[in-house]
Protein backbone atom coordinates (compact mmCIF):
# COMPACT_ATOMS: atom_id res chain seq x y z
CA MET A 1 -27.83 -22.32 -2.26
CA ALA A 2 -27.89 -22.30 1.61
CA ARG A 3 -24.31 -21.69 3.15
CA GLN A 4 -22.68 -24.73 5.54
CA MET A 5 -21.16 -23.58 8.46
CA VAL A 6 -17.97 -25.99 8.42
CA ASP A 7 -14.35 -25.22 9.88
CA PRO A 8 -11.17 -25.54 8.36
CA SER A 9 -11.19 -29.27 8.50
CA ARG A 10 -14.46 -29.74 6.85
CA LEU A 11 -13.96 -28.13 3.95
CA ASP A 12 -14.24 -29.52 0.54
CA LEU A 13 -11.95 -27.89 -2.29
CA GLU A 14 -11.51 -31.26 -3.86
CA SER A 15 -15.39 -33.03 -4.79
CA PRO A 16 -17.23 -31.81 -8.48
CA GLY A 17 -19.83 -28.92 -8.09
CA ARG A 18 -20.61 -26.38 -6.13
CA ARG A 19 -20.39 -25.96 -2.12
CA ASP A 20 -21.24 -22.45 -0.49
CA TYR A 21 -19.49 -21.83 3.17
CA TRP A 22 -18.92 -20.17 6.35
CA VAL A 23 -15.36 -21.24 7.17
CA ALA A 24 -15.71 -20.93 11.36
CA LEU A 25 -12.76 -19.84 13.05
CA PRO A 26 -12.80 -19.54 16.69
CA HIS A 27 -13.51 -16.03 18.38
CA ASP A 28 -10.52 -14.28 20.81
CA SER A 29 -13.42 -12.92 22.97
CA ILE A 30 -17.01 -14.24 22.63
CA TRP A 31 -18.52 -18.15 22.81
CA GLY A 32 -18.40 -17.96 19.03
CA GLU A 33 -17.12 -17.67 15.27
CA TRP A 34 -15.69 -15.60 13.31
CA LEU A 35 -17.21 -16.59 10.17
CA ILE A 36 -15.40 -16.48 6.55
CA PRO A 37 -17.76 -16.55 3.24
CA LEU A 38 -15.86 -18.76 0.60
CA THR A 39 -17.84 -20.42 -1.90
CA VAL A 40 -16.27 -22.72 -4.29
CA TRP A 41 -16.51 -24.36 -7.89
CA VAL A 42 -14.95 -27.70 -8.62
CA GLY A 43 -15.02 -28.76 -12.67
CA SER A 44 -14.82 -32.27 -14.27
CA ARG A 45 -11.44 -31.08 -15.44
CA ALA A 46 -9.80 -29.92 -11.84
CA GLN A 47 -6.49 -31.22 -11.34
CA GLU A 48 -5.14 -31.51 -8.05
CA GLY A 49 -2.89 -28.72 -6.49
CA GLU A 50 -4.64 -26.18 -9.79
CA GLY A 51 -7.39 -23.61 -9.04
CA LEU A 52 -7.47 -20.20 -8.76
CA VAL A 53 -8.40 -18.36 -5.80
CA ALA A 54 -9.84 -14.19 -5.08
CA PHE A 55 -9.35 -12.31 -2.16
CA GLY A 56 -11.34 -9.31 -1.14
CA SER A 57 -11.57 -7.72 2.07
CA THR A 58 -7.61 -8.41 3.41
CA HIS A 59 -8.27 -4.69 4.53
CA GLY A 60 -11.73 -4.02 6.20
CA ASP A 61 -11.30 -0.54 4.48
CA GLU A 62 -11.57 -1.63 1.22
CA TYR A 63 -14.73 -2.36 -0.48
CA GLU A 64 -14.18 -2.85 -4.19
CA GLY A 65 -12.94 -6.81 -3.43
CA PRO A 66 -15.70 -7.67 -1.66
CA VAL A 67 -18.35 -5.85 -4.12
CA ALA A 68 -16.78 -7.47 -7.59
CA LEU A 69 -16.68 -10.97 -5.97
CA LYS A 70 -20.40 -10.72 -4.41
CA HIS A 71 -21.19 -10.39 -7.60
CA LEU A 72 -19.28 -12.80 -9.21
CA LEU A 73 -20.86 -15.46 -6.70
CA ARG A 74 -24.26 -14.85 -9.05
CA ALA A 75 -22.66 -14.02 -12.38
CA ILE A 76 -20.11 -17.20 -12.84
CA ASP A 77 -21.99 -20.39 -14.29
CA GLY A 78 -20.70 -22.92 -12.57
CA SER A 79 -20.86 -25.09 -16.29
CA THR A 80 -18.18 -22.75 -17.28
CA VAL A 81 -15.74 -24.11 -15.02
CA THR A 82 -13.65 -26.88 -15.92
CA GLY A 83 -10.93 -26.19 -13.02
CA ARG A 84 -10.86 -24.87 -9.46
CA VAL A 85 -12.53 -21.49 -8.05
CA VAL A 86 -12.40 -19.95 -5.34
CA LEU A 87 -13.86 -16.81 -4.14
CA VAL A 88 -13.24 -15.20 -0.39
CA PRO A 89 -15.40 -11.90 -0.58
CA VAL A 90 -14.60 -11.18 3.02
CA LEU A 91 -11.21 -12.84 3.91
CA ASN A 92 -10.75 -10.45 7.44
CA PRO A 93 -14.28 -10.04 9.04
CA PRO A 94 -12.97 -8.73 12.12
CA ALA A 95 -11.19 -5.82 9.83
CA PHE A 96 -14.67 -5.66 7.62
CA ARG A 97 -16.89 -5.48 10.75
CA SER A 98 -14.83 -2.28 11.80
CA GLY A 99 -13.70 -0.66 8.46
CA ARG A 100 -10.53 -0.58 9.47
CA ARG A 101 -7.42 -1.62 7.92
CA GLU A 102 -6.93 -4.03 10.92
CA SER A 103 -8.60 -5.83 13.19
CA VAL A 104 -9.92 -3.84 15.59
CA GLY A 105 -11.99 -4.60 18.60
CA ALA A 106 -9.85 -8.62 18.04
CA ASP A 107 -6.30 -8.25 18.07
CA GLY A 108 -5.47 -5.56 16.36
CA VAL A 109 -3.29 -7.19 13.83
CA ASN A 110 -2.81 -6.15 10.14
CA LEU A 111 -3.60 -8.92 8.04
CA ASN A 112 -1.42 -8.10 5.49
CA ARG A 113 1.41 -8.45 7.99
CA ALA A 114 0.49 -11.94 9.49
CA PHE A 115 2.38 -14.21 6.98
CA VAL A 116 5.05 -14.65 8.78
CA ASP A 117 6.64 -18.06 10.11
CA GLU A 118 4.64 -19.45 12.77
CA ALA A 119 1.66 -17.37 12.13
CA GLY A 120 -1.31 -18.60 14.49
CA ARG A 121 1.05 -21.73 15.32
CA SER A 122 3.23 -20.34 17.96
CA GLU A 123 1.14 -18.69 21.62
CA ALA A 124 3.18 -15.67 20.60
CA LEU A 125 0.75 -15.15 17.78
CA ALA A 126 -1.77 -16.96 18.57
CA GLY A 127 -4.70 -14.23 17.48
CA ILE A 128 -7.60 -14.48 15.37
CA THR A 129 -5.71 -12.11 12.28
CA HIS A 130 -2.56 -15.03 12.53
CA ARG A 131 -4.97 -17.79 12.40
CA ILE A 132 -6.69 -16.31 9.12
CA ALA A 133 -3.39 -16.43 7.80
CA ASP A 134 -2.55 -19.98 9.11
CA PHE A 135 -5.90 -21.24 7.65
CA VAL A 136 -5.02 -19.99 3.92
CA ARG A 137 -1.56 -21.45 4.31
CA THR A 138 -3.14 -24.89 5.29
CA SER A 139 -6.63 -24.97 3.47
CA ILE A 140 -6.36 -22.88 0.49
CA TRP A 141 -2.45 -23.14 -0.43
CA PRO A 142 -2.25 -26.56 -1.51
CA HIS A 143 -5.72 -26.35 -4.18
CA VAL A 144 -4.37 -23.59 -6.35
CA HIS A 145 -1.48 -22.08 -8.01
CA VAL A 146 -3.24 -18.90 -8.83
CA VAL A 147 -3.70 -16.42 -6.01
CA ILE A 148 -5.73 -12.99 -6.50
CA ASP A 149 -5.65 -10.35 -3.90
CA LEU A 150 -8.11 -7.38 -4.56
CA HIS A 151 -6.84 -4.28 -2.48
CA ALA A 152 -8.02 -0.65 -2.41
CA GLY A 153 -6.38 2.22 -0.92
CA GLY A 154 -9.14 2.83 2.31
CA ASP A 155 -8.44 5.51 4.08
CA VAL A 156 -4.90 5.71 3.93
CA ALA A 157 -3.81 6.31 0.48
CA ARG A 158 -5.58 7.47 -2.70
CA PHE A 159 -4.18 5.39 -5.98
CA ALA A 160 -4.40 5.44 -9.48
CA ALA A 161 -6.14 2.04 -10.28
CA LEU A 162 -3.26 -0.77 -10.69
CA THR A 163 -2.11 -4.58 -10.65
CA SER A 164 1.10 -5.40 -8.69
CA PHE A 165 3.30 -8.04 -8.02
CA HIS A 166 7.10 -8.47 -6.74
CA ARG A 167 10.07 -9.13 -8.50
CA VAL A 168 10.32 -13.12 -8.23
CA PRO A 169 13.60 -15.25 -9.90
CA ASP A 170 11.63 -17.37 -12.05
CA ALA A 171 10.69 -16.35 -15.34
CA HIS A 172 8.43 -18.19 -15.84
CA GLN A 173 6.27 -16.99 -12.68
CA ALA A 174 7.11 -13.45 -13.60
CA ALA A 175 5.76 -13.54 -16.90
CA SER A 176 2.62 -15.17 -16.03
CA MET A 177 2.17 -12.88 -13.19
CA LEU A 178 2.47 -9.63 -16.08
CA GLU A 179 0.34 -11.45 -18.46
CA MET A 180 -2.67 -11.97 -16.12
CA ALA A 181 -1.66 -8.38 -14.19
CA ARG A 182 -2.95 -6.82 -18.40
CA TRP A 183 -6.47 -8.55 -17.98
CA PHE A 184 -7.47 -6.57 -15.67
CA GLY A 185 -7.72 -2.98 -17.73
CA VAL A 186 -6.54 -0.96 -14.78
CA PRO A 187 -3.42 1.54 -16.59
CA PHE A 188 -0.87 1.11 -14.69
CA ILE A 189 0.90 -2.99 -14.20
CA LEU A 190 3.41 -2.03 -11.00
CA THR A 191 5.95 -3.98 -9.42
CA TYR A 192 6.78 -2.85 -6.14
CA GLN A 193 9.12 -3.71 -3.28
CA ASP A 194 8.67 -6.62 -1.34
CA ARG A 195 10.63 -5.52 1.89
CA THR A 196 7.65 -5.82 3.68
CA PRO A 197 7.28 -8.79 6.04
CA GLY A 198 3.98 -10.77 6.53
CA LEU A 199 2.62 -9.37 2.62
CA LEU A 200 -0.03 -12.31 1.53
CA THR A 201 1.10 -11.99 -2.02
CA SER A 202 5.10 -12.18 -1.19
CA ASP A 203 3.69 -15.50 1.03
CA ALA A 204 1.92 -16.83 -2.72
CA GLU A 205 4.65 -15.80 -4.64
CA ARG A 206 7.39 -17.50 -2.15
CA ALA A 207 5.32 -20.32 -2.86
CA GLY A 208 5.73 -20.22 -6.62
CA LYS A 209 1.98 -19.01 -7.31
CA ILE A 210 0.99 -16.87 -10.03
CA SER A 211 -0.11 -13.77 -7.36
CA VAL A 212 -1.40 -10.81 -8.87
CA GLY A 213 -2.48 -7.80 -6.43
CA GLY A 214 -4.15 -4.64 -6.94
CA GLU A 215 -5.40 -1.15 -5.92
CA PHE A 216 -8.91 -0.69 -7.48
CA GLY A 217 -10.09 2.04 -5.51
CA TRP A 218 -9.52 4.39 -2.47
CA GLY A 219 -11.44 6.62 0.08
CA ALA A 220 -13.15 4.01 1.80
CA ALA A 221 -16.05 4.33 -0.57
CA VAL A 222 -17.03 1.99 -4.30
CA SER A 223 -15.26 2.94 -7.38
CA PRO A 224 -17.70 1.97 -10.15
CA ASP A 225 -13.97 1.63 -12.17
CA GLY A 226 -12.07 -0.99 -10.01
CA ILE A 227 -15.69 -2.97 -9.35
CA ARG A 228 -15.13 -3.21 -13.50
CA TYR A 229 -11.74 -3.92 -13.38
CA ALA A 230 -11.50 -6.05 -10.31
CA ARG A 231 -15.02 -8.42 -12.18
CA HIS A 232 -13.22 -8.79 -15.69
CA GLY A 233 -9.30 -9.23 -13.91
CA VAL A 234 -10.43 -12.31 -11.91
CA VAL A 235 -12.54 -14.38 -14.68
CA ALA A 236 -9.65 -13.49 -17.52
CA ALA A 237 -7.67 -14.71 -14.74
CA ALA A 238 -9.45 -18.04 -14.68
CA VAL A 239 -9.52 -18.28 -18.10
CA LEU A 240 -5.65 -17.72 -18.66
CA ALA A 241 -5.15 -20.14 -15.72
CA GLY A 242 -7.04 -23.05 -17.54
CA GLN A 243 -10.00 -23.04 -14.46
CA MET A 244 -13.00 -21.77 -17.14
CA ASN A 245 -14.07 -22.00 -20.57
CA VAL A 246 -15.95 -18.43 -21.37
CA GLY A 247 -14.78 -15.89 -23.80
CA ILE A 248 -13.00 -13.27 -23.05
CA ASP A 249 -12.30 -9.67 -24.44
CA ARG A 250 -9.66 -7.07 -23.28
CA ILE A 251 -10.93 -3.98 -21.93
CA ALA A 252 -10.32 -0.36 -21.28
CA HIS A 253 -6.22 0.31 -20.95
CA HIS A 254 -5.57 -3.31 -22.41
CA ALA A 255 -7.79 -3.14 -24.84
CA ALA A 256 -6.53 0.65 -25.48
CA GLY A 257 -2.90 -0.50 -25.50
CA THR A 258 -2.42 2.71 -23.22
CA GLN A 259 -1.04 -0.19 -20.12
CA GLN A 260 2.01 1.63 -18.09
CA VAL A 261 4.11 -1.16 -16.92
CA VAL A 262 6.03 0.36 -13.76
CA GLU A 263 8.32 -0.66 -10.95
CA ALA A 264 8.51 1.46 -7.49
CA VAL A 265 11.37 -0.62 -5.71
CA ASP A 266 13.96 1.47 -4.81
CA GLY A 267 13.83 3.49 -1.91
CA GLU A 268 13.89 7.00 -3.65
CA CYS A 269 10.52 6.11 -5.06
CA TYR A 270 8.77 6.48 -1.94
CA VAL A 271 8.28 9.61 -0.09
CA PRO A 272 8.21 10.05 4.01
CA ALA A 273 6.72 12.54 6.31
CA PRO A 274 9.80 13.89 7.79
CA TRP A 275 6.88 15.20 10.88
CA PRO A 276 3.53 14.50 11.39
CA GLY A 277 1.49 17.31 9.56
CA HIS A 278 -1.41 17.65 6.67
CA TYR A 279 -1.00 16.85 3.25
CA GLU A 280 -2.14 18.71 0.28
CA PRO A 281 -1.72 17.16 -3.34
CA LEU A 282 -0.90 19.14 -6.16
CA LEU A 283 -1.35 16.59 -8.69
CA GLU A 284 -3.51 13.63 -9.31
CA CYS A 285 -2.78 10.24 -9.17
CA GLY A 286 -1.95 8.60 -12.45
CA SER A 287 -0.28 12.07 -13.82
CA GLY A 288 3.21 11.94 -15.13
CA VAL A 289 6.30 13.86 -13.47
CA VAL A 290 9.78 14.26 -13.91
CA GLU A 291 12.32 14.42 -11.19
CA GLY A 292 12.47 16.80 -8.65
CA GLN A 293 9.14 17.84 -9.19
CA VAL A 294 6.81 19.22 -6.51
CA ILE A 295 3.90 17.15 -6.34
CA GLY A 296 2.60 18.34 -2.73
CA LEU A 297 2.95 20.01 0.16
CA LEU A 298 2.93 19.24 3.44
CA HIS A 299 1.95 21.85 6.40
CA ASP A 300 2.82 22.10 9.90
CA PHE A 301 -0.42 24.01 11.71
CA ASN A 302 1.78 24.48 14.84
CA ARG A 303 3.80 27.16 12.44
CA ILE A 304 0.93 28.50 11.16
CA ASP A 305 3.13 31.50 9.42
CA ASP A 306 6.12 28.92 7.48
CA ASP A 307 5.61 27.53 5.02
CA PRO A 308 5.40 24.18 4.00
CA TRP A 309 7.66 21.03 2.45
CA GLN A 310 7.32 20.61 -0.72
CA VAL A 311 6.89 17.13 -1.65
CA ARG A 312 8.83 16.42 -4.57
CA ALA A 313 9.37 13.45 -7.02
CA GLY A 314 12.26 11.39 -6.17
CA VAL A 315 12.31 9.97 -9.65
CA GLU A 316 10.82 10.27 -13.06
CA GLY A 317 7.95 8.80 -13.91
CA TYR A 318 4.02 8.30 -12.62
CA LEU A 319 2.69 9.60 -9.13
CA ILE A 320 0.83 6.03 -8.39
CA ALA A 321 0.10 6.84 -5.16
CA ALA A 322 -0.78 9.60 -2.54
CA ALA A 323 -1.87 10.02 1.22
CA TRP A 324 -5.72 10.30 1.10
CA ARG A 325 -6.52 12.17 4.42
CA ALA A 326 -4.86 15.15 4.97
CA PRO A 327 -3.42 14.27 8.58
CA VAL A 328 -0.46 12.04 8.28
CA GLN A 329 1.93 10.58 10.22
CA GLN A 330 5.26 10.89 10.34
CA GLY A 331 7.13 8.61 8.00
CA GLN A 332 3.83 8.00 5.97
CA HIS A 333 4.67 7.18 2.57
CA ILE A 334 2.76 10.22 1.07
CA ALA A 335 3.63 10.21 -2.05
CA VAL A 336 4.62 7.17 -4.74
CA VAL A 337 6.61 7.97 -7.81
CA ALA A 338 7.04 4.95 -10.52
CA ARG A 339 9.52 4.33 -13.26
CA CYS A 340 8.73 3.59 -16.27
CA VAL A 341 9.84 -0.47 -17.33
């Protein structure tokens, strides 16, 4: 099926059937458009304001999401879609083109920090990245109640495979997110801090949506396990949300009953680098640790004869993330330990 090139005002997420789009947003520096691939299926029992959307490449150096969703474009049988399913394999074309977290070569903004007040609406926040955030809010949010945001560590961090969300005050919303997060089959289900401004999943949660993020790889590579988790999880989420009617089984750690529910909400879970240096991990992500345990070393090669700084776990739990590239910036979180819940 040929893709239609449309501006957001011509996007149809309501009529029955499947449609494949290039959603065109004006380019910042050439006479042209940024094109966002979007596919929608609308079934016979679709309800207003209900549906699932899954995003890949909120960051441009994270590839499990785009690959998993590209596979699902071919794998989903439209006859099994009873409600509304929207797949956006590459939400952030400027970042994806450059293979960077930020929209390098465009406005230089990180899309997962761009969901702020007046994004895409004020002159100060009018670059392509903030306009993508505005497109999501105005053209997609009104049609869905479930949001899946597929991430990876990219070129920044190494992760144990996990799904994630934040604390929310609504008990039903929280329980729904936990249940949906389990179905990806990953070893860890993480609640993490919500102090960072402009997160896509935080924006969805505040809008009352069942919002699940996740980290499915690292190293700006493609993880086979990450692809499996992401593909299965998106379909399972659509089934749980009443948008697809297809058999789905538990997989991996979900099937084995070995998932760990953890949280990294407090500051002591995060270890920032006190100065720029080179990080040496001593443990693999996913390892259990005790409070005070040395989990890595930070080297300063300008002081070649000094002992490295010992990176210690601030809490007991699991090492879920660590710096991937050896060179790290001052203040960068070089290790994250999550407590068991």
